[in-house]
Amino acid sequence: MSDDAPTTDDVHRAAAAIRGGDAVVYPTETVYGMGADATSPEAVERVFDIKGRDRDKPLSAGFPDVDSALDYVEVTDREEAFMRRFLPGPVTVVVERRESLPDVLVSGRERVGVRVPDHDLALELFRAAETPVTATSANLSGAGSITNPSQLPDEIHDAVAVVLDGGTTPGTESTVVDPGRGIVHRRGAMADDIESWLETHA
């Protein structure tokens, strides 16, 4: 698939794999992500296992749009306003989760990171999957982020069902922000704009 852009059939094959409990790799406007059914504890566990990730480090959930995300999270007016301003975009928005997102996804916490990538292929995958999709980088825990499928280690390539090759991604990490509490957990893309919004909407 590296010579040609993924087809609709490729995307639907990846979406079917997600619904079947498998993990896939997909591009975003930041780095490549690893996607599995974020509502399935077993699928989420699989992502932790593939990455070798500490279970104390929560995963985010990806959605095709803000309205879809609101079915799985509880937000204040301020939080929703922030989401509608910055999503889709390279931002992970931390808000309160509903019980439909399992404990294992968020390491037992009450809040979850929401991603709506500004990337057509990722959004097409999320729509086709018809379920929240894990949004975590497609790398081994502690290793560098993946910006091209050629960088995927064999352990990941062999463990996922589908790799959607969208070419090289920019590589700048998303900014992680809790707009309800006015906290930027990690500065990344659009951090200055985000901090300005938080100040003017305090």
C-alpha atoms as a PDB file:
ATOM      1  CA  MET A   1       0.000   0.000   0.000  1.00  0.00           C
ATOM      2  CA  SER A   2       3.023   2.277   0.285  1.00  0.00           C
ATOM      3  CA  ASP A   3       3.017   3.213  -3.434  1.00  0.00           C
ATOM      4  CA  ASP A   4      -0.612   4.281  -3.553  1.00  0.00           C
ATOM      5  CA  ALA A   5      -2.947   6.188  -1.278  1.00  0.00           C
ATOM      6  CA  PRO A   6      -5.263   3.922   0.720  1.00  0.00           C
ATOM      7  CA  THR A   7      -8.531   3.186  -1.039  1.00  0.00           C
ATOM      8  CA  THR A   8     -12.007   3.194   0.427  1.00  0.00           C
ATOM      9  CA  ASP A   9     -11.746  -0.599   0.546  1.00  0.00           C
ATOM     10  CA  ASP A  10      -8.545  -0.314   2.602  1.00  0.00           C
ATOM     11  CA  VAL A  11     -10.274   2.019   5.050  1.00  0.00           C
ATOM     12  CA  HIS A  12     -13.272  -0.269   5.388  1.00  0.00           C
ATOM     13  CA  ARG A  13     -10.976  -3.258   5.913  1.00  0.00           C
ATOM     14  CA  ALA A  14      -9.269  -1.349   8.725  1.00  0.00           C
ATOM     15  CA  ALA A  15     -12.639  -0.341  10.200  1.00  0.00           C
ATOM     16  CA  ALA A  16     -13.811  -3.966  10.116  1.00  0.00           C
ATOM     17  CA  ALA A  17     -10.616  -4.998  11.888  1.00  0.00           C
ATOM     18  CA  ILE A  18     -11.321  -2.448  14.626  1.00  0.00           C
ATOM     19  CA  ARG A  19     -14.873  -3.716  15.048  1.00  0.00           C
ATOM     20  CA  GLY A  20     -13.463  -7.250  15.215  1.00  0.00           C
ATOM     21  CA  GLY A  21     -11.200  -6.412  18.146  1.00  0.00           C
ATOM     22  CA  ASP A  22      -7.932  -5.943  16.235  1.00  0.00           C
ATOM     23  CA  ALA A  23      -5.598  -2.955  16.150  1.00  0.00           C
ATOM     24  CA  VAL A  24      -4.648  -0.902  13.086  1.00  0.00           C
ATOM     25  CA  VAL A  25      -2.194   1.889  12.302  1.00  0.00           C
ATOM     26  CA  TYR A  26      -3.442   5.132  10.744  1.00  0.00           C
ATOM     27  CA  PRO A  27      -2.032   8.586   9.927  1.00  0.00           C
ATOM     28  CA  THR A  28      -3.044  11.845  11.583  1.00  0.00           C
ATOM     29  CA  GLU A  29      -2.011  15.473  11.191  1.00  0.00           C
ATOM     30  CA  THR A  30       0.613  14.898  13.915  1.00  0.00           C
ATOM     31  CA  VAL A  31       2.044  11.344  13.930  1.00  0.00           C
ATOM     32  CA  TYR A  32       0.797   7.841  13.140  1.00  0.00           C
ATOM     33  CA  GLY A  33      -1.708   6.445  15.605  1.00  0.00           C
ATOM     34  CA  MET A  34      -2.698   2.982  16.746  1.00  0.00           C
ATOM     35  CA  GLY A  35      -6.433   2.389  16.622  1.00  0.00           C
ATOM     36  CA  ALA A  36      -8.642  -0.199  18.282  1.00  0.00           C
ATOM     37  CA  ASP A  37     -12.191  -0.186  19.638  1.00  0.00           C
ATOM     38  CA  ALA A  38     -11.942   2.221  22.580  1.00  0.00           C
ATOM     39  CA  THR A  39     -15.154   0.823  24.115  1.00  0.00           C
ATOM     40  CA  SER A  40     -13.788  -2.742  24.282  1.00  0.00           C
ATOM     41  CA  PRO A  41     -11.590  -3.500  27.311  1.00  0.00           C
ATOM     42  CA  GLU A  42     -10.045  -6.438  25.449  1.00  0.00           C
ATOM     43  CA  ALA A  43      -9.167  -4.337  22.401  1.00  0.00           C
ATOM     44  CA  VAL A  44      -7.712  -1.597  24.592  1.00  0.00           C
ATOM     45  CA  GLU A  45      -5.632  -4.168  26.471  1.00  0.00           C
ATOM     46  CA  ARG A  46      -4.315  -5.348  23.111  1.00  0.00           C
ATOM     47  CA  VAL A  47      -3.055  -1.848  22.314  1.00  0.00           C
ATOM     48  CA  PHE A  48      -1.266  -1.665  25.668  1.00  0.00           C
ATOM     49  CA  ASP A  49       0.295  -5.069  24.985  1.00  0.00           C
ATOM     50  CA  ILE A  50       1.440  -4.212  21.443  1.00  0.00           C
ATOM     51  CA  LYS A  51       3.022  -0.945  22.584  1.00  0.00           C
ATOM     52  CA  GLY A  52       4.446  -2.371  25.808  1.00  0.00           C
ATOM     53  CA  ARG A  53       2.777   0.577  27.511  1.00  0.00           C
ATOM     54  CA  ASP A  54       2.411   0.973  31.265  1.00  0.00           C
ATOM     55  CA  ARG A  55      -1.226   0.433  32.287  1.00  0.00           C
ATOM     56  CA  ASP A  56      -0.981   3.573  34.452  1.00  0.00           C
ATOM     57  CA  LYS A  57      -0.688   5.745  31.328  1.00  0.00           C
ATOM     58  CA  PRO A  58      -4.173   6.397  29.904  1.00  0.00           C
ATOM     59  CA  LEU A  59      -5.051   6.329  26.216  1.00  0.00           C
ATOM     60  CA  SER A  60      -7.094   8.926  24.352  1.00  0.00           C
ATOM     61  CA  ALA A  61     -10.158   8.231  22.218  1.00  0.00           C
ATOM     62  CA  GLY A  62     -10.609   9.417  18.638  1.00  0.00           C
ATOM     63  CA  PHE A  63     -13.884  10.524  17.038  1.00  0.00           C
ATOM     64  CA  PRO A  64     -14.953  11.719  13.579  1.00  0.00           C
ATOM     65  CA  ASP A  65     -16.448  14.953  14.970  1.00  0.00           C
ATOM     66  CA  VAL A  66     -17.314  16.761  18.184  1.00  0.00           C
ATOM     67  CA  ASP A  67     -20.950  15.655  18.146  1.00  0.00           C
ATOM     68  CA  SER A  68     -19.865  11.995  18.112  1.00  0.00           C
ATOM     69  CA  ALA A  69     -17.528  12.629  21.025  1.00  0.00           C
ATOM     70  CA  LEU A  70     -20.320  14.192  23.094  1.00  0.00           C
ATOM     71  CA  ASP A  71     -22.097  10.813  23.132  1.00  0.00           C
ATOM     72  CA  TYR A  72     -19.201   9.445  25.206  1.00  0.00           C
ATOM     73  CA  VAL A  73     -18.148  12.384  27.383  1.00  0.00           C
ATOM     74  CA  GLU A  74     -19.771  14.898  29.737  1.00  0.00           C
ATOM     75  CA  VAL A  75     -18.780  18.509  29.085  1.00  0.00           C
ATOM     76  CA  THR A  76     -19.482  21.953  30.457  1.00  0.00           C
ATOM     77  CA  ASP A  77     -20.462  24.828  28.158  1.00  0.00           C
ATOM     78  CA  ARG A  78     -16.879  26.126  28.324  1.00  0.00           C
ATOM     79  CA  GLU A  79     -15.444  22.726  27.416  1.00  0.00           C
ATOM     80  CA  GLU A  80     -17.825  22.299  24.504  1.00  0.00           C
ATOM     81  CA  ALA A  81     -17.007  25.804  23.250  1.00  0.00           C
ATOM     82  CA  PHE A  82     -13.310  24.931  23.355  1.00  0.00           C
ATOM     83  CA  MET A  83     -13.870  21.669  21.491  1.00  0.00           C
ATOM     84  CA  ARG A  84     -15.872  23.380  18.757  1.00  0.00           C
ATOM     85  CA  ARG A  85     -13.166  26.030  18.391  1.00  0.00           C
ATOM     86  CA  PHE A  86     -10.160  23.701  18.140  1.00  0.00           C
ATOM     87  CA  LEU A  87     -11.496  20.393  16.781  1.00  0.00           C
ATOM     88  CA  PRO A  88     -10.815  18.957  14.296  1.00  0.00           C
ATOM     89  CA  GLY A  89      -7.216  19.855  15.034  1.00  0.00           C
ATOM     90  CA  PRO A  90      -3.923  18.737  16.613  1.00  0.00           C
ATOM     91  CA  VAL A  91      -5.355  18.988  20.109  1.00  0.00           C
ATOM     92  CA  THR A  92      -6.187  16.386  22.760  1.00  0.00           C
ATOM     93  CA  VAL A  93      -9.033  17.731  24.916  1.00  0.00           C
ATOM     94  CA  VAL A  94      -9.325  16.242  28.411  1.00  0.00           C
ATOM     95  CA  VAL A  95     -12.910  16.036  29.681  1.00  0.00           C
ATOM     96  CA  GLU A  96     -15.069  13.811  31.874  1.00  0.00           C
ATOM     97  CA  ARG A  97     -15.873  10.421  30.365  1.00  0.00           C
ATOM     98  CA  ARG A  98     -19.134   8.527  30.409  1.00  0.00           C
ATOM     99  CA  GLU A  99     -19.247   4.921  31.603  1.00  0.00           C
ATOM    100  CA  SER A 100     -19.349   3.688  27.996  1.00  0.00           C
ATOM    101  CA  LEU A 101     -15.592   4.266  27.885  1.00  0.00           C
ATOM    102  CA  PRO A 102     -13.950   1.522  29.994  1.00  0.00           C
ATOM    103  CA  ASP A 103     -11.698   1.993  33.007  1.00  0.00           C
ATOM    104  CA  VAL A 104      -8.721   0.363  31.281  1.00  0.00           C
ATOM    105  CA  LEU A 105      -8.698   3.085  28.594  1.00  0.00           C
ATOM    106  CA  VAL A 106      -8.121   5.823  31.155  1.00  0.00           C
ATOM    107  CA  SER A 107      -6.268   3.855  33.830  1.00  0.00           C
ATOM    108  CA  GLY A 108      -9.287   4.170  36.118  1.00  0.00           C
ATOM    109  CA  ARG A 109      -9.438   7.950  35.890  1.00  0.00           C
ATOM    110  CA  GLU A 110     -12.639   9.938  35.440  1.00  0.00           C
ATOM    111  CA  ARG A 111     -11.350  12.049  32.545  1.00  0.00           C
ATOM    112  CA  VAL A 112     -10.379  11.073  29.017  1.00  0.00           C
ATOM    113  CA  GLY A 113      -8.465  12.701  26.192  1.00  0.00           C
ATOM    114  CA  VAL A 114     -10.599  13.368  23.089  1.00  0.00           C
ATOM    115  CA  ARG A 115      -9.026  13.562  19.619  1.00  0.00           C
ATOM    116  CA  VAL A 116     -10.705  14.674  16.400  1.00  0.00           C
ATOM    117  CA  PRO A 117      -7.756  14.741  13.981  1.00  0.00           C
ATOM    118  CA  ASP A 118      -7.601  17.277  11.195  1.00  0.00           C
ATOM    119  CA  HIS A 119      -6.814  14.480   8.738  1.00  0.00           C
ATOM    120  CA  ASP A 120      -9.258  13.176   6.139  1.00  0.00           C
ATOM    121  CA  LEU A 121      -8.046   9.576   6.224  1.00  0.00           C
ATOM    122  CA  ALA A 122      -8.207   9.336  10.014  1.00  0.00           C
ATOM    123  CA  LEU A 123     -11.695  10.824  10.072  1.00  0.00           C
ATOM    124  CA  GLU A 124     -12.839   8.479   7.307  1.00  0.00           C
ATOM    125  CA  LEU A 125     -11.578   5.548   9.369  1.00  0.00           C
ATOM    126  CA  PHE A 126     -13.314   6.781  12.524  1.00  0.00           C
ATOM    127  CA  ARG A 127     -16.603   7.213  10.663  1.00  0.00           C
ATOM    128  CA  ALA A 128     -16.347   3.765   9.109  1.00  0.00           C
ATOM    129  CA  ALA A 129     -15.440   2.112  12.431  1.00  0.00           C
ATOM    130  CA  GLU A 130     -18.674   3.397  13.999  1.00  0.00           C
ATOM    131  CA  THR A 131     -17.088   3.302  17.455  1.00  0.00           C
ATOM    132  CA  PRO A 132     -14.612   5.441  19.382  1.00  0.00           C
ATOM    133  CA  VAL A 133     -11.064   4.498  18.329  1.00  0.00           C
ATOM    134  CA  THR A 134      -7.973   4.579  20.517  1.00  0.00           C
ATOM    135  CA  ALA A 135      -5.769   7.562  19.714  1.00  0.00           C
ATOM    136  CA  THR A 136      -2.248   6.738  20.840  1.00  0.00           C
ATOM    137  CA  SER A 137       0.989   6.941  18.909  1.00  0.00           C
ATOM    138  CA  ALA A 138       1.882   3.841  16.892  1.00  0.00           C
ATOM    139  CA  ASN A 139       5.236   3.296  18.535  1.00  0.00           C
ATOM    140  CA  LEU A 140       6.734   1.063  21.174  1.00  0.00           C
ATOM    141  CA  SER A 141       6.462   2.732  24.568  1.00  0.00           C
ATOM    142  CA  GLY A 142       9.434   5.018  25.149  1.00  0.00           C
ATOM    143  CA  ALA A 143      10.498   5.020  21.485  1.00  0.00           C
ATOM    144  CA  GLY A 144      10.207   7.928  19.082  1.00  0.00           C
ATOM    145  CA  SER A 145       6.965   8.760  17.316  1.00  0.00           C
ATOM    146  CA  ILE A 146       6.224   7.248  13.902  1.00  0.00           C
ATOM    147  CA  THR A 147       5.870   9.750  11.059  1.00  0.00           C
ATOM    148  CA  ASN A 148       6.060   7.219   8.196  1.00  0.00           C
ATOM    149  CA  PRO A 149       5.002   3.550   8.094  1.00  0.00           C
ATOM    150  CA  SER A 150       8.544   2.593   7.044  1.00  0.00           C
ATOM    151  CA  GLN A 151       9.571   3.434  10.629  1.00  0.00           C
ATOM    152  CA  LEU A 152       7.198   0.917  12.197  1.00  0.00           C
ATOM    153  CA  PRO A 153       9.082  -1.726  14.185  1.00  0.00           C
ATOM    154  CA  ASP A 154       8.418  -5.332  13.194  1.00  0.00           C
ATOM    155  CA  GLU A 155       6.740  -5.981  16.544  1.00  0.00           C
ATOM    156  CA  ILE A 156       4.008  -3.486  15.705  1.00  0.00           C
ATOM    157  CA  HIS A 157       3.775  -4.216  11.983  1.00  0.00           C
ATOM    158  CA  ASP A 158       3.247  -7.906  12.726  1.00  0.00           C
ATOM    159  CA  ALA A 159       0.750  -7.305  15.538  1.00  0.00           C
ATOM    160  CA  VAL A 160      -1.710  -4.985  13.781  1.00  0.00           C
ATOM    161  CA  ALA A 161      -4.273  -6.081  11.203  1.00  0.00           C
ATOM    162  CA  VAL A 162      -3.938  -3.143   8.781  1.00  0.00           C
ATOM    163  CA  VAL A 163      -1.506  -0.275   8.198  1.00  0.00           C
ATOM    164  CA  LEU A 164      -3.080   2.690   6.389  1.00  0.00           C
ATOM    165  CA  ASP A 165      -0.191   4.419   4.633  1.00  0.00           C
ATOM    166  CA  GLY A 166      -0.867   8.130   4.303  1.00  0.00           C
ATOM    167  CA  GLY A 167       2.716   9.082   3.586  1.00  0.00           C
ATOM    168  CA  THR A 168       4.850  11.173   5.945  1.00  0.00           C
ATOM    169  CA  THR A 169       3.083  13.126   8.691  1.00  0.00           C
ATOM    170  CA  PRO A 170       4.318  16.455  10.172  1.00  0.00           C
ATOM    171  CA  GLY A 171       5.441  14.929  13.487  1.00  0.00           C
ATOM    172  CA  THR A 172       4.482  17.761  15.854  1.00  0.00           C
ATOM    173  CA  GLU A 173       2.664  16.305  18.848  1.00  0.00           C
ATOM    174  CA  SER A 174      -0.821  17.433  19.770  1.00  0.00           C
ATOM    175  CA  THR A 175      -1.297  19.884  22.599  1.00  0.00           C
ATOM    176  CA  VAL A 176      -2.974  18.162  25.556  1.00  0.00           C
ATOM    177  CA  VAL A 177      -5.314  20.522  27.387  1.00  0.00           C
ATOM    178  CA  ASP A 178      -7.974  20.358  30.090  1.00  0.00           C
ATOM    179  CA  PRO A 179     -10.051  23.427  29.173  1.00  0.00           C
ATOM    180  CA  GLY A 180     -12.402  23.004  32.130  1.00  0.00           C
ATOM    181  CA  ARG A 181      -9.513  23.421  34.533  1.00  0.00           C
ATOM    182  CA  GLY A 182      -7.502  25.731  32.316  1.00  0.00           C
ATOM    183  CA  ILE A 183      -4.503  23.381  32.318  1.00  0.00           C
ATOM    184  CA  VAL A 184      -2.178  22.647  29.400  1.00  0.00           C
ATOM    185  CA  HIS A 185      -0.679  19.236  30.175  1.00  0.00           C
ATOM    186  CA  ARG A 186       1.595  19.186  27.120  1.00  0.00           C
ATOM    187  CA  ARG A 187       2.478  22.009  24.764  1.00  0.00           C
ATOM    188  CA  GLY A 188       2.443  21.023  21.117  1.00  0.00           C
ATOM    189  CA  ALA A 189       0.754  22.239  17.963  1.00  0.00           C
ATOM    190  CA  MET A 190      -1.316  25.434  18.329  1.00  0.00           C
ATOM    191  CA  ALA A 191      -0.246  25.840  21.964  1.00  0.00           C
ATOM    192  CA  ASP A 192      -0.057  29.646  21.784  1.00  0.00           C
ATOM    193  CA  ASP A 193      -3.575  29.931  20.324  1.00  0.00           C
ATOM    194  CA  ILE A 194      -4.900  27.533  22.951  1.00  0.00           C
ATOM    195  CA  GLU A 195      -3.327  29.396  25.858  1.00  0.00           C
ATOM    196  CA  SER A 196      -4.693  32.665  24.490  1.00  0.00           C
ATOM    197  CA  TRP A 197      -8.205  31.156  24.295  1.00  0.00           C
ATOM    198  CA  LEU A 198      -7.962  29.888  27.873  1.00  0.00           C
ATOM    199  CA  GLU A 199      -6.937  33.341  29.096  1.00  0.00           C
ATOM    200  CA  THR A 200      -9.714  35.198  27.268  1.00  0.00           C
ATOM    201  CA  HIS A 201     -12.368  32.643  28.301  1.00  0.00           C
ATOM    202  CA  ALA A 202     -11.350  32.344  31.955  1.00  0.00           C
END
